Amino acid sequence: MSLNGAKLSLPEVAKLCQKTENVFIGARVGIMDQFISCLGKAGHALLLDCRSLEFKLIPIPEGVRLVICNTMVKHEHASGAYNRRREECDEGVKLLSRWYPEIRALREVSVEQLERHVAAMPATIFKRCKHVVTENRRVQEGAQYLIDGEVSHFGDLMRKSHSSLRDLFEVSCRELDVMAEIAESLEGYCGGRMTGGGFGGCTVNLVKTSAAEKFATQIAERYQSAIGIKPDIYVCSAANGASAG
């Protein structure tokens, strides 16, 4: 990719997009969205180390589709609350560095290390940290499940992720939780979770291909009945990232 004659690699483009959000917009976002937009590959998930930017493309097993369910709501406090969650995690790192001076981020803390110091941490800070630390573990386990073709086990991790985002990180909302609860009752559902910054937006669901269209119809009907809002539902598959072509 080039700009004014300068040639930029796709990871560099992703880093510039992240910097725009961090500096210009003021949102302390990570780099996952930008990276997958640049380097995604059809039929694959992408396992990304957000520090080194090393990544691995992992084939998504055959027989499943992604069903994206847009709640059509976005609560006003979302951006400020997102930045606050980052601050709370930073505070957790500072506290934990008393016992583990070598750590620079929660990625370097194990669940066992964190739980060893629960009594010495404010309850809210502990919850934020526990979400991040357990989510990191779920990502590693989930990557292996995809490699092994264990879709049901991967789906279970998606469910646990949503519960953690709801109860520990506290970035869900009624609409997202209703959407997730409805999905649980539908045929072909393997697992799902909220995605994005939270407080509205979308859930992403892993659904058996044979049931995906029916799933989309039913979840739209039941969500509208429960919430009074017509959602947007997209049945899709992982696609290639952006390109100059």
Protein backbone atom coordinates (compact mmCIF):
# COMPACT_ATOMS: atom_id res chain seq x y z
CA MET A 1 0.00 0.00 0.00
CA SER A 2 1.36 3.43 -0.92
CA LEU A 3 0.58 7.01 0.03
CA ASN A 4 2.22 9.94 -1.78
CA GLY A 5 4.81 7.54 -3.11
CA ALA A 6 5.59 6.06 0.32
CA LYS A 7 5.18 2.32 0.60
CA LEU A 8 3.61 1.06 3.82
CA SER A 9 3.18 -2.53 4.93
CA LEU A 10 -0.30 -3.56 6.03
CA PRO A 11 0.75 -3.84 9.70
CA GLU A 12 2.05 -0.26 9.48
CA VAL A 13 -1.26 0.87 8.02
CA ALA A 14 -3.06 -0.81 10.93
CA LYS A 15 -0.80 0.99 13.43
CA LEU A 16 -1.51 4.36 11.79
CA CYS A 17 -5.26 3.70 11.93
CA GLN A 18 -4.97 2.88 15.63
CA LYS A 19 -2.96 6.05 16.26
CA THR A 20 -5.68 8.10 14.57
CA GLU A 21 -8.28 6.76 16.99
CA ASN A 22 -5.99 7.15 20.01
CA VAL A 23 -4.72 10.66 19.27
CA PHE A 24 -7.27 12.37 17.04
CA ILE A 25 -10.50 10.84 18.38
CA GLY A 26 -9.25 10.26 21.93
CA ALA A 27 -10.41 6.64 22.27
CA ARG A 28 -7.81 4.36 23.87
CA VAL A 29 -8.59 1.48 21.53
CA GLY A 30 -6.35 -1.44 20.73
CA ILE A 31 -5.33 -2.63 17.29
CA MET A 32 -7.44 -5.74 16.68
CA ASP A 33 -10.08 -4.16 14.44
CA GLN A 34 -7.54 -2.32 12.33
CA PHE A 35 -5.32 -5.37 12.01
CA ILE A 36 -8.02 -7.78 10.89
CA SER A 37 -9.34 -5.17 8.44
CA CYS A 38 -5.91 -5.07 6.82
CA LEU A 39 -4.73 -8.68 7.13
CA GLY A 40 -7.83 -10.84 7.35
CA LYS A 41 -8.03 -13.95 5.18
CA ALA A 42 -11.20 -15.61 3.93
CA GLY A 43 -12.22 -18.62 5.99
CA HIS A 44 -9.77 -17.86 8.79
CA ALA A 45 -9.62 -16.38 12.26
CA LEU A 46 -6.57 -14.33 13.17
CA LEU A 47 -4.62 -14.84 16.40
CA LEU A 48 -2.78 -11.59 17.11
CA ASP A 49 -0.13 -10.65 19.66
CA CYS A 50 -1.00 -6.97 20.13
CA ARG A 51 2.46 -6.16 21.52
CA SER A 52 4.75 -7.74 18.93
CA LEU A 53 2.12 -7.76 16.13
CA GLU A 54 3.03 -11.36 15.38
CA PHE A 55 -0.03 -13.16 14.07
CA LYS A 56 -1.27 -16.54 12.98
CA LEU A 57 -4.11 -17.31 10.60
CA ILE A 58 -6.26 -20.18 11.86
CA PRO A 59 -8.76 -21.95 9.56
CA ILE A 60 -12.36 -21.82 10.74
CA PRO A 61 -13.84 -25.34 10.60
CA GLU A 62 -16.29 -26.17 7.83
CA GLY A 63 -20.01 -26.21 8.51
CA VAL A 64 -20.40 -22.99 10.51
CA ARG A 65 -21.33 -19.41 9.67
CA LEU A 66 -20.96 -16.17 11.55
CA VAL A 67 -24.25 -14.46 12.36
CA ILE A 68 -23.81 -10.83 13.41
CA CYS A 69 -26.74 -9.38 15.35
CA ASN A 70 -26.92 -5.60 15.64
CA THR A 71 -28.98 -4.53 18.66
CA MET A 72 -29.38 -1.09 17.03
CA VAL A 73 -28.58 0.67 20.31
CA LYS A 74 -25.48 2.51 21.51
CA HIS A 75 -25.60 4.03 24.96
CA GLU A 76 -24.15 7.52 25.35
CA HIS A 77 -21.61 6.67 28.06
CA ALA A 78 -19.85 4.06 25.93
CA SER A 79 -16.69 5.96 24.92
CA GLY A 80 -16.01 7.38 28.39
CA ALA A 81 -16.65 4.02 30.04
CA TYR A 82 -14.28 2.30 27.60
CA ASN A 83 -11.46 4.66 28.54
CA ARG A 84 -12.30 4.16 32.22
CA ARG A 85 -11.91 0.40 31.85
CA ARG A 86 -8.44 0.96 30.41
CA GLU A 87 -7.57 3.17 33.38
CA GLU A 88 -8.81 0.54 35.82
CA CYS A 89 -6.66 -2.12 34.16
CA ASP A 90 -3.65 0.20 34.32
CA GLU A 91 -4.33 0.67 38.03
CA GLY A 92 -4.44 -3.09 38.43
CA VAL A 93 -1.02 -3.42 36.81
CA LYS A 94 0.41 -0.83 39.20
CA LEU A 95 -0.98 -2.70 42.21
CA LEU A 96 0.21 -6.08 41.00
CA SER A 97 3.69 -4.74 40.29
CA ARG A 98 4.19 -4.50 44.07
CA TRP A 99 4.39 -8.29 44.12
CA TYR A 100 5.51 -8.85 40.53
CA PRO A 101 7.80 -5.92 39.64
CA GLU A 102 8.64 -7.39 36.24
CA ILE A 103 5.11 -7.06 34.79
CA ARG A 104 4.19 -4.32 32.35
CA ALA A 105 0.69 -5.46 31.41
CA LEU A 106 -2.01 -7.88 32.53
CA ARG A 107 -1.00 -10.28 29.77
CA GLU A 108 1.99 -11.18 31.97
CA VAL A 109 -0.17 -12.11 34.98
CA SER A 110 -1.61 -15.59 35.50
CA VAL A 111 -5.04 -16.26 36.99
CA GLU A 112 -3.33 -17.86 39.99
CA GLN A 113 -1.12 -14.82 40.60
CA LEU A 114 -4.08 -12.47 40.40
CA GLU A 115 -6.28 -14.49 42.77
CA ARG A 116 -3.43 -14.70 45.28
CA HIS A 117 -3.86 -10.96 45.92
CA VAL A 118 -7.63 -10.53 45.72
CA ALA A 119 -7.85 -9.32 49.34
CA ALA A 120 -5.36 -6.52 48.69
CA MET A 121 -7.12 -5.07 45.64
CA PRO A 122 -10.26 -2.92 45.35
CA ALA A 123 -13.13 -5.16 44.28
CA THR A 124 -13.77 -3.30 41.01
CA ILE A 125 -10.10 -3.32 40.00
CA PHE A 126 -9.89 -7.04 40.73
CA LYS A 127 -12.94 -7.75 38.56
CA ARG A 128 -11.52 -5.78 35.63
CA CYS A 129 -8.20 -7.57 35.90
CA LYS A 130 -9.82 -10.98 36.25
CA HIS A 131 -11.76 -10.46 33.03
CA VAL A 132 -8.62 -9.56 31.09
CA VAL A 133 -6.49 -12.35 32.53
CA THR A 134 -9.11 -15.05 32.00
CA GLU A 135 -9.96 -13.70 28.54
CA ASN A 136 -6.30 -14.01 27.54
CA ARG A 137 -6.42 -17.65 28.61
CA ARG A 138 -9.64 -18.22 26.66
CA VAL A 139 -8.05 -16.79 23.51
CA GLN A 140 -5.16 -19.26 23.69
CA GLU A 141 -7.47 -22.18 24.42
CA GLY A 142 -9.90 -21.08 21.72
CA ALA A 143 -7.20 -20.95 19.06
CA GLN A 144 -6.30 -24.56 19.78
CA TYR A 145 -9.94 -25.62 19.71
CA LEU A 146 -10.32 -24.11 16.23
CA ILE A 147 -7.16 -25.84 15.05
CA ASP A 148 -8.54 -29.13 16.39
CA GLY A 149 -11.98 -28.51 14.84
CA GLU A 150 -13.65 -28.46 18.26
CA VAL A 151 -16.40 -25.98 17.40
CA SER A 152 -18.59 -26.78 20.42
CA HIS A 153 -15.72 -26.18 22.86
CA PHE A 154 -14.86 -22.92 21.09
CA GLY A 155 -18.51 -21.91 21.39
CA ASP A 156 -18.46 -22.60 25.12
CA LEU A 157 -15.55 -20.17 25.46
CA MET A 158 -17.55 -17.53 23.57
CA ARG A 159 -20.37 -17.94 26.10
CA LYS A 160 -17.94 -17.59 29.01
CA SER A 161 -16.44 -14.53 27.38
CA HIS A 162 -19.83 -12.83 27.21
CA SER A 163 -20.54 -13.66 30.84
CA SER A 164 -17.18 -12.21 31.84
CA LEU A 165 -17.75 -9.04 29.82
CA ARG A 166 -21.15 -8.69 31.48
CA ASP A 167 -20.26 -9.52 35.09
CA LEU A 168 -16.56 -8.65 35.50
CA PHE A 169 -15.80 -5.98 32.91
CA GLU A 170 -19.36 -4.64 33.07
CA VAL A 171 -19.56 -3.38 29.49
CA SER A 172 -22.75 -5.15 28.42
CA CYS A 173 -26.31 -3.82 28.54
CA ARG A 174 -29.85 -5.20 28.59
CA GLU A 175 -30.16 -5.30 24.79
CA LEU A 176 -26.94 -7.25 24.32
CA ASP A 177 -27.84 -9.67 27.10
CA VAL A 178 -31.31 -10.27 25.67
CA MET A 179 -29.79 -10.93 22.25
CA ALA A 180 -27.34 -13.42 23.78
CA GLU A 181 -30.07 -15.15 25.81
CA ILE A 182 -32.32 -15.59 22.79
CA ALA A 183 -29.47 -17.12 20.79
CA GLU A 184 -29.03 -19.81 23.44
CA SER A 185 -32.50 -21.17 22.71
CA LEU A 186 -32.15 -21.47 18.94
CA GLU A 187 -31.29 -24.49 16.81
CA GLY A 188 -27.76 -24.65 15.43
CA TYR A 189 -26.26 -22.20 17.93
CA CYS A 190 -22.70 -23.09 18.90
CA GLY A 191 -21.75 -20.01 20.94
CA GLY A 192 -21.68 -16.23 20.88
CA ARG A 193 -20.68 -13.05 22.65
CA MET A 194 -20.94 -9.28 22.45
CA THR A 195 -18.27 -7.64 20.36
CA GLY A 196 -16.76 -4.18 20.17
CA GLY A 197 -16.57 -1.62 22.96
CA GLY A 198 -19.83 -2.65 24.60
CA PHE A 199 -22.93 -0.85 25.93
CA GLY A 200 -24.74 -1.70 22.71
CA GLY A 201 -23.68 -2.66 19.23
CA CYS A 202 -23.50 -6.27 18.10
CA THR A 203 -23.21 -9.86 19.16
CA VAL A 204 -21.27 -12.32 17.02
CA ASN A 205 -22.59 -15.88 16.92
CA LEU A 206 -21.18 -19.13 15.62
CA VAL A 207 -24.04 -21.08 14.01
CA LYS A 208 -24.19 -24.30 12.02
CA THR A 209 -24.51 -23.49 8.33
CA SER A 210 -27.64 -25.61 7.93
CA ALA A 211 -29.45 -23.56 10.58
CA ALA A 212 -27.99 -20.09 9.97
CA GLU A 213 -30.80 -18.55 7.91
CA LYS A 214 -33.51 -19.85 10.25
CA PHE A 215 -31.46 -18.65 13.23
CA ALA A 216 -31.26 -15.17 11.69
CA THR A 217 -35.01 -14.99 11.14
CA GLN A 218 -35.93 -16.25 14.58
CA ILE A 219 -33.51 -14.12 16.56
CA ALA A 220 -34.69 -10.99 14.73
CA GLU A 221 -38.32 -11.76 15.50
CA ARG A 222 -37.76 -12.62 19.15
CA TYR A 223 -35.47 -9.67 19.82
CA GLN A 224 -37.96 -7.22 18.31
CA SER A 225 -40.73 -8.78 20.39
CA ALA A 226 -38.67 -8.46 23.59
CA ILE A 227 -37.06 -5.04 23.07
CA GLY A 228 -39.32 -3.28 20.57
CA ILE A 229 -36.50 -2.57 18.12
CA LYS A 230 -35.95 -4.27 14.75
CA PRO A 231 -32.35 -5.51 14.64
CA ASP A 232 -30.06 -5.87 11.65
CA ILE A 233 -28.88 -9.46 11.18
CA TYR A 234 -26.04 -10.51 8.89
CA VAL A 235 -25.21 -14.11 7.97
CA CYS A 236 -21.62 -14.08 6.80
CA SER A 237 -18.21 -15.73 6.75
CA ALA A 238 -14.69 -14.50 7.44
CA ALA A 239 -13.47 -12.55 4.40
CA ASN A 240 -10.24 -11.12 3.05
CA GLY A 241 -9.05 -7.82 4.47
CA ALA A 242 -8.90 -4.54 2.58
CA SER A 243 -6.60 -4.24 -0.41
CA ALA A 244 -5.63 -1.65 -2.98
CA GLY A 245 -7.11 -3.74 -5.76
